[in-house]
Amino acid sequence: MVSGGGRVSERDKSIIAWAGALDQAEELKPRHHIFAKDELPWLHLEDGLPRYELFPQDVLESLGLDGTTRGEHLK
């Protein structure tokens, strides 16, 4: 199910939401960076958090996805 103009995706037991779609998003702390392969040349995230080309494997498995297609979690 996708609602909020594609900002929230619900699949099985997982919910993925854009941080900008949440109230008080500043209270959330990131655990990793996804889609690092698409990082802009001027963006340098040097916070020591794990970086993934797409999604971390455990997240993919929990969603029942293989991770080969960006946006696959929104289906």
Protein backbone atom coordinates (compact mmCIF):
# COMPACT_ATOMS: atom_id res chain seq x y z
CA MET A 1 0.00 0.00 0.00
CA VAL A 2 1.39 3.39 -0.94
CA SER A 3 -0.11 6.58 0.41
CA GLY A 4 0.89 10.18 0.97
CA GLY A 5 2.04 10.66 -2.60
CA GLY A 6 4.48 7.76 -2.39
CA ARG A 7 6.00 8.92 0.89
CA VAL A 8 4.88 5.87 2.87
CA SER A 9 5.07 2.23 1.82
CA GLU A 10 3.64 -0.67 3.77
CA ARG A 11 4.58 -4.25 2.92
CA ASP A 12 3.98 -7.21 5.20
CA LYS A 13 5.30 -6.19 8.64
CA SER A 14 7.56 -3.34 7.44
CA ILE A 15 6.77 0.30 6.89
CA ILE A 16 9.12 2.59 5.00
CA ALA A 17 8.52 6.34 5.25
CA TRP A 18 10.44 9.33 3.97
CA ALA A 19 11.81 11.26 6.94
CA GLY A 20 10.41 14.48 5.48
CA ALA A 21 6.91 13.03 5.71
CA LEU A 22 7.14 12.56 9.48
CA ASP A 23 6.40 14.98 12.29
CA GLN A 24 9.47 15.54 14.49
CA ALA A 25 11.78 13.72 12.07
CA GLU A 26 14.72 15.45 13.74
CA GLU A 27 14.26 13.06 16.67
CA LEU A 28 15.11 10.06 14.49
CA LYS A 29 18.70 8.87 14.32
CA PRO A 30 19.98 7.21 11.14
CA ARG A 31 21.48 3.73 11.37
CA HIS A 32 22.93 3.60 7.86
CA HIS A 33 22.93 5.29 4.45
CA ILE A 34 21.18 3.64 1.50
CA PHE A 35 21.58 4.24 -2.24
CA ALA A 36 25.19 5.33 -1.69
CA LYS A 37 25.88 4.48 -5.33
CA ASP A 38 23.76 7.52 -6.25
CA GLU A 39 25.56 9.92 -3.91
CA LEU A 40 26.05 13.33 -5.48
CA PRO A 41 29.69 14.33 -6.07
CA TRP A 42 29.43 17.26 -3.64
CA LEU A 43 27.76 15.23 -0.87
CA HIS A 44 30.24 13.76 1.61
CA LEU A 45 28.64 11.77 4.41
CA GLU A 46 31.52 11.17 6.77
CA ASP A 47 29.67 10.18 9.92
CA GLY A 48 31.00 6.63 10.18
CA LEU A 49 27.62 5.00 9.54
CA PRO A 50 27.45 1.92 7.28
CA ARG A 51 26.78 2.67 3.62
CA TYR A 52 24.88 0.44 1.20
CA GLU A 53 24.58 0.60 -2.58
CA LEU A 54 20.86 -0.19 -2.22
CA PHE A 55 19.21 -1.57 0.93
CA PRO A 56 21.02 -3.57 3.62
CA GLN A 57 20.47 -7.31 3.06
CA ASP A 58 18.56 -7.81 6.32
CA VAL A 59 16.10 -5.07 5.34
CA LEU A 60 15.64 -6.62 1.90
CA GLU A 61 14.99 -10.03 3.39
CA SER A 62 12.47 -8.63 5.87
CA LEU A 63 10.59 -7.07 2.93
CA GLY A 64 10.83 -10.20 0.77
CA LEU A 65 12.87 -8.35 -1.89
CA ASP A 66 16.07 -9.14 -3.75
CA GLY A 67 17.26 -5.53 -4.01
CA THR A 68 17.96 -5.45 -7.72
CA THR A 69 15.49 -2.66 -8.51
CA ARG A 70 15.39 0.75 -6.88
CA GLY A 71 11.85 1.57 -5.79
CA GLU A 72 11.00 -2.12 -5.65
CA HIS A 73 9.82 -1.68 -2.05
CA LEU A 74 7.01 0.61 -3.25
CA LYS A 75 5.23 -2.09 -5.27
